[in-house]
Amino acid sequence: MRVEWTTGAQRNLDSIERYIARDNPTAAAKTVLKIVKRTFSQLSTQPSSGKPGRIDGTRELIFTEFPYIVIYTVRQDAVFILRVFHTSQCLENLPEQ
């Protein structure tokens, strides 16, 4: 199944990378790459593997190896990644993108 990243999700990844890069640029790039690879690997073959999301019509992919949650929706032949956020962030307080 096709996996597409929305502009909001891409902005989230950019923010994650910038935040981590303040202390460790190498780790920043590796973290974002892991999120992207792991998300694609999981959702391209098992799009319903995430749990039902807190936002109606979404699902949440929660990783055990790093503290990020991917919010996505499944439509016909594609998975749309809507947001990526750190588990310490409150979903309700995230700005719309």
N, C-alpha and C. Protein backbone atom coordinates (compact mmCIF):
# COMPACT_ATOMS: atom_id res chain seq x y z
N MET A 1 0.84 -1.18 0.00
CA MET A 1 0.00 0.00 0.00
C MET A 1 0.89 1.24 0.00
N ARG A 2 0.44 2.25 -0.70
CA ARG A 2 1.17 3.51 -0.79
C ARG A 2 1.11 4.25 0.55
N VAL A 3 2.22 4.88 0.93
CA VAL A 3 2.28 5.69 2.15
C VAL A 3 2.65 7.11 1.75
N GLU A 4 1.79 8.07 2.10
CA GLU A 4 2.04 9.47 1.75
C GLU A 4 2.11 10.32 3.02
N TRP A 5 3.06 11.23 3.03
CA TRP A 5 3.26 12.14 4.16
C TRP A 5 2.64 13.48 3.83
N THR A 6 1.73 13.94 4.66
CA THR A 6 1.11 15.25 4.44
C THR A 6 2.12 16.35 4.78
N THR A 7 1.81 17.55 4.37
CA THR A 7 2.67 18.69 4.68
C THR A 7 2.83 18.85 6.19
N GLY A 8 1.75 18.66 6.94
CA GLY A 8 1.82 18.77 8.39
C GLY A 8 2.78 17.76 9.00
N ALA A 9 2.74 16.52 8.51
CA ALA A 9 3.64 15.48 9.02
C ALA A 9 5.09 15.79 8.65
N GLN A 10 5.30 16.31 7.44
CA GLN A 10 6.65 16.68 7.03
C GLN A 10 7.19 17.81 7.90
N ARG A 11 6.32 18.74 8.24
CA ARG A 11 6.74 19.83 9.14
C ARG A 11 7.08 19.29 10.53
N ASN A 12 6.30 18.32 10.98
CA ASN A 12 6.60 17.70 12.27
C ASN A 12 7.97 17.05 12.26
N LEU A 13 8.30 16.33 11.18
CA LEU A 13 9.61 15.69 11.07
C LEU A 13 10.72 16.73 11.06
N ASP A 14 10.51 17.83 10.34
CA ASP A 14 11.50 18.92 10.32
C ASP A 14 11.71 19.48 11.72
N SER A 15 10.63 19.66 12.46
CA SER A 15 10.72 20.19 13.83
C SER A 15 11.46 19.23 14.75
N ILE A 16 11.17 17.94 14.60
CA ILE A 16 11.85 16.92 15.40
C ILE A 16 13.34 16.96 15.11
N GLU A 17 13.69 17.03 13.84
CA GLU A 17 15.10 17.05 13.47
C GLU A 17 15.80 18.29 14.01
N ARG A 18 15.17 19.45 13.88
CA ARG A 18 15.77 20.69 14.39
C ARG A 18 15.98 20.63 15.90
N TYR A 19 14.99 20.11 16.61
CA TYR A 19 15.07 20.04 18.07
C TYR A 19 16.24 19.14 18.51
N ILE A 20 16.33 17.96 17.93
CA ILE A 20 17.39 17.02 18.31
C ILE A 20 18.75 17.55 17.86
N ALA A 21 18.80 18.20 16.70
CA ALA A 21 20.07 18.69 16.14
C ALA A 21 20.74 19.75 17.00
N ARG A 22 19.97 20.40 17.86
CA ARG A 22 20.58 21.39 18.75
C ARG A 22 21.66 20.75 19.61
N ASP A 23 21.46 19.48 19.96
CA ASP A 23 22.43 18.77 20.78
C ASP A 23 23.27 17.77 19.98
N ASN A 24 22.66 17.18 18.95
CA ASN A 24 23.36 16.13 18.23
C ASN A 24 22.82 16.00 16.80
N PRO A 25 23.44 16.70 15.85
CA PRO A 25 22.96 16.67 14.46
C PRO A 25 22.92 15.27 13.85
N THR A 26 23.89 14.44 14.18
CA THR A 26 23.90 13.08 13.64
C THR A 26 22.72 12.27 14.15
N ALA A 27 22.46 12.38 15.44
CA ALA A 27 21.32 11.66 16.02
C ALA A 27 20.00 12.18 15.45
N ALA A 28 19.95 13.47 15.15
CA ALA A 28 18.72 14.06 14.60
C ALA A 28 18.37 13.42 13.27
N ALA A 29 19.33 13.35 12.38
CA ALA A 29 19.09 12.75 11.06
C ALA A 29 18.73 11.27 11.18
N LYS A 30 19.43 10.57 12.06
CA LYS A 30 19.16 9.14 12.25
C LYS A 30 17.76 8.91 12.82
N THR A 31 17.35 9.74 13.75
CA THR A 31 16.03 9.58 14.37
C THR A 31 14.92 9.76 13.34
N VAL A 32 15.02 10.83 12.55
CA VAL A 32 14.00 11.08 11.54
C VAL A 32 13.98 9.95 10.50
N LEU A 33 15.15 9.50 10.09
CA LEU A 33 15.22 8.40 9.13
C LEU A 33 14.57 7.13 9.71
N LYS A 34 14.81 6.85 10.98
CA LYS A 34 14.19 5.69 11.63
C LYS A 34 12.67 5.81 11.64
N ILE A 35 12.18 6.99 11.97
CA ILE A 35 10.73 7.20 12.00
C ILE A 35 10.14 6.94 10.62
N VAL A 36 10.76 7.50 9.60
CA VAL A 36 10.25 7.35 8.23
C VAL A 36 10.31 5.89 7.78
N LYS A 37 11.46 5.26 7.97
CA LYS A 37 11.62 3.86 7.53
C LYS A 37 10.67 2.93 8.27
N ARG A 38 10.60 3.09 9.57
CA ARG A 38 9.76 2.21 10.39
C ARG A 38 8.28 2.40 10.06
N THR A 39 7.88 3.65 9.85
CA THR A 39 6.49 3.94 9.49
C THR A 39 6.15 3.31 8.15
N PHE A 40 7.01 3.51 7.16
CA PHE A 40 6.76 2.94 5.84
C PHE A 40 6.72 1.42 5.90
N SER A 41 7.71 0.83 6.57
CA SER A 41 7.79 -0.62 6.67
C SER A 41 6.52 -1.22 7.29
N GLN A 42 6.06 -0.61 8.34
CA GLN A 42 4.89 -1.12 9.06
C GLN A 42 3.60 -0.88 8.29
N LEU A 43 3.38 0.35 7.86
CA LEU A 43 2.08 0.72 7.31
C LEU A 43 1.89 0.34 5.84
N SER A 44 2.97 0.16 5.10
CA SER A 44 2.81 -0.23 3.70
C SER A 44 2.31 -1.67 3.59
N THR A 45 2.59 -2.47 4.60
CA THR A 45 2.16 -3.88 4.58
C THR A 45 1.03 -4.18 5.55
N GLN A 46 0.91 -3.39 6.61
CA GLN A 46 -0.13 -3.61 7.62
C GLN A 46 -0.77 -2.28 8.00
N PRO A 47 -1.56 -1.70 7.11
CA PRO A 47 -2.09 -0.36 7.36
C PRO A 47 -3.01 -0.24 8.57
N SER A 48 -3.58 -1.32 9.01
CA SER A 48 -4.48 -1.26 10.17
C SER A 48 -3.79 -1.65 11.47
N SER A 49 -2.47 -1.72 11.44
CA SER A 49 -1.74 -2.21 12.62
C SER A 49 -1.72 -1.22 13.78
N GLY A 50 -1.92 0.05 13.51
CA GLY A 50 -1.97 1.03 14.60
C GLY A 50 -3.28 0.92 15.36
N LYS A 51 -3.28 1.47 16.56
CA LYS A 51 -4.51 1.43 17.36
C LYS A 51 -5.46 2.54 16.90
N PRO A 52 -6.76 2.39 17.16
CA PRO A 52 -7.69 3.47 16.82
C PRO A 52 -7.24 4.78 17.48
N GLY A 53 -7.30 5.86 16.73
CA GLY A 53 -6.78 7.13 17.20
C GLY A 53 -7.73 7.88 18.12
N ARG A 54 -7.16 8.86 18.82
CA ARG A 54 -7.95 9.73 19.69
C ARG A 54 -8.78 10.72 18.88
N ILE A 55 -8.37 10.94 17.64
CA ILE A 55 -9.11 11.80 16.73
C ILE A 55 -9.92 10.89 15.82
N ASP A 56 -11.20 11.17 15.70
CA ASP A 56 -12.11 10.34 14.90
C ASP A 56 -11.56 10.08 13.50
N GLY A 57 -11.60 8.83 13.06
CA GLY A 57 -11.19 8.47 11.72
C GLY A 57 -9.70 8.28 11.54
N THR A 58 -8.94 8.35 12.64
CA THR A 58 -7.49 8.18 12.54
C THR A 58 -7.05 6.92 13.29
N ARG A 59 -5.81 6.57 13.04
CA ARG A 59 -5.15 5.49 13.77
C ARG A 59 -3.82 6.05 14.27
N GLU A 60 -3.26 5.40 15.28
CA GLU A 60 -1.99 5.84 15.86
C GLU A 60 -1.00 4.69 15.88
N LEU A 61 0.15 4.94 15.29
CA LEU A 61 1.24 3.97 15.31
C LEU A 61 2.19 4.39 16.41
N ILE A 62 2.34 3.53 17.40
CA ILE A 62 3.18 3.84 18.56
C ILE A 62 4.40 2.93 18.52
N PHE A 63 5.57 3.53 18.58
CA PHE A 63 6.81 2.77 18.50
C PHE A 63 7.34 2.47 19.90
N THR A 64 7.90 1.29 20.07
CA THR A 64 8.51 0.96 21.36
C THR A 64 9.98 1.38 21.41
N GLU A 65 10.61 1.52 20.25
CA GLU A 65 12.04 1.83 20.23
C GLU A 65 12.37 3.32 20.27
N PHE A 66 11.39 4.17 20.05
CA PHE A 66 11.60 5.61 20.21
C PHE A 66 10.26 6.27 20.54
N PRO A 67 10.32 7.41 21.24
CA PRO A 67 9.10 7.99 21.83
C PRO A 67 8.29 8.90 20.89
N TYR A 68 7.89 8.36 19.75
CA TYR A 68 7.09 9.15 18.81
C TYR A 68 5.84 8.39 18.43
N ILE A 69 4.80 9.14 18.15
CA ILE A 69 3.52 8.57 17.71
C ILE A 69 3.21 9.15 16.34
N VAL A 70 2.82 8.27 15.43
CA VAL A 70 2.44 8.68 14.08
C VAL A 70 0.92 8.59 13.96
N ILE A 71 0.29 9.70 13.63
CA ILE A 71 -1.16 9.72 13.43
C ILE A 71 -1.41 9.61 11.94
N TYR A 72 -2.28 8.68 11.56
CA TYR A 72 -2.52 8.46 10.14
C TYR A 72 -3.95 8.04 9.88
N THR A 73 -4.31 8.06 8.61
CA THR A 73 -5.61 7.60 8.18
C THR A 73 -5.42 6.70 6.95
N VAL A 74 -6.31 5.76 6.79
CA VAL A 74 -6.23 4.83 5.65
C VAL A 74 -7.40 5.14 4.73
N ARG A 75 -7.07 5.35 3.45
CA ARG A 75 -8.11 5.61 2.45
C ARG A 75 -7.83 4.75 1.24
N GLN A 76 -8.73 3.91 0.87
CA GLN A 76 -8.67 3.03 -0.29
C GLN A 76 -7.29 2.41 -0.48
N ASP A 77 -6.46 2.95 -1.36
CA ASP A 77 -5.17 2.32 -1.65
C ASP A 77 -3.98 3.07 -1.07
N ALA A 78 -4.21 3.95 -0.09
CA ALA A 78 -3.10 4.73 0.46
C ALA A 78 -3.27 4.99 1.95
N VAL A 79 -2.13 5.12 2.60
CA VAL A 79 -2.07 5.54 4.00
C VAL A 79 -1.55 6.97 3.99
N PHE A 80 -2.24 7.85 4.69
CA PHE A 80 -1.83 9.25 4.76
C PHE A 80 -1.34 9.55 6.17
N ILE A 81 -0.06 9.90 6.28
CA ILE A 81 0.52 10.26 7.56
C ILE A 81 0.15 11.71 7.83
N LEU A 82 -0.58 11.94 8.91
CA LEU A 82 -1.10 13.27 9.21
C LEU A 82 -0.19 14.07 10.13
N ARG A 83 0.31 13.41 11.18
CA ARG A 83 1.13 14.09 12.19
C ARG A 83 2.12 13.11 12.79
N VAL A 84 3.21 13.65 13.32
CA VAL A 84 4.19 12.88 14.09
C VAL A 84 4.50 13.72 15.31
N PHE A 85 4.34 13.12 16.49
CA PHE A 85 4.64 13.91 17.68
C PHE A 85 5.28 13.06 18.77
N HIS A 86 6.00 13.75 19.65
CA HIS A 86 6.68 13.11 20.77
C HIS A 86 5.63 12.72 21.81
N THR A 87 5.85 11.61 22.47
CA THR A 87 4.88 11.12 23.44
C THR A 87 4.71 12.07 24.63
N SER A 88 5.66 12.96 24.86
CA SER A 88 5.52 13.91 25.97
C SER A 88 4.63 15.10 25.61
N GLN A 89 4.30 15.24 24.33
CA GLN A 89 3.43 16.34 23.91
C GLN A 89 1.98 15.95 24.10
N CYS A 90 1.18 16.94 24.44
CA CYS A 90 -0.26 16.73 24.58
C CYS A 90 -0.89 16.94 23.21
N LEU A 91 -1.53 15.92 22.70
CA LEU A 91 -2.12 15.97 21.36
C LEU A 91 -3.08 17.14 21.21
N GLU A 92 -3.86 17.42 22.23
CA GLU A 92 -4.84 18.50 22.17
C GLU A 92 -4.19 19.88 22.03
N ASN A 93 -2.93 20.01 22.48
CA ASN A 93 -2.25 21.30 22.43
C ASN A 93 -1.40 21.50 21.19
N LEU A 94 -1.36 20.51 20.31
CA LEU A 94 -0.56 20.66 19.11
C LEU A 94 -1.26 21.62 18.15
N PRO A 95 -0.50 22.55 17.56
CA PRO A 95 -1.13 23.47 16.61
C PRO A 95 -1.54 22.74 15.34
N GLU A 96 -2.61 23.21 14.72
CA GLU A 96 -3.04 22.65 13.44
C GLU A 96 -2.01 23.01 12.38
N GLN A 97 -1.75 22.07 11.47
CA GLN A 97 -0.78 22.34 10.40
C GLN A 97 -1.37 21.95 9.09
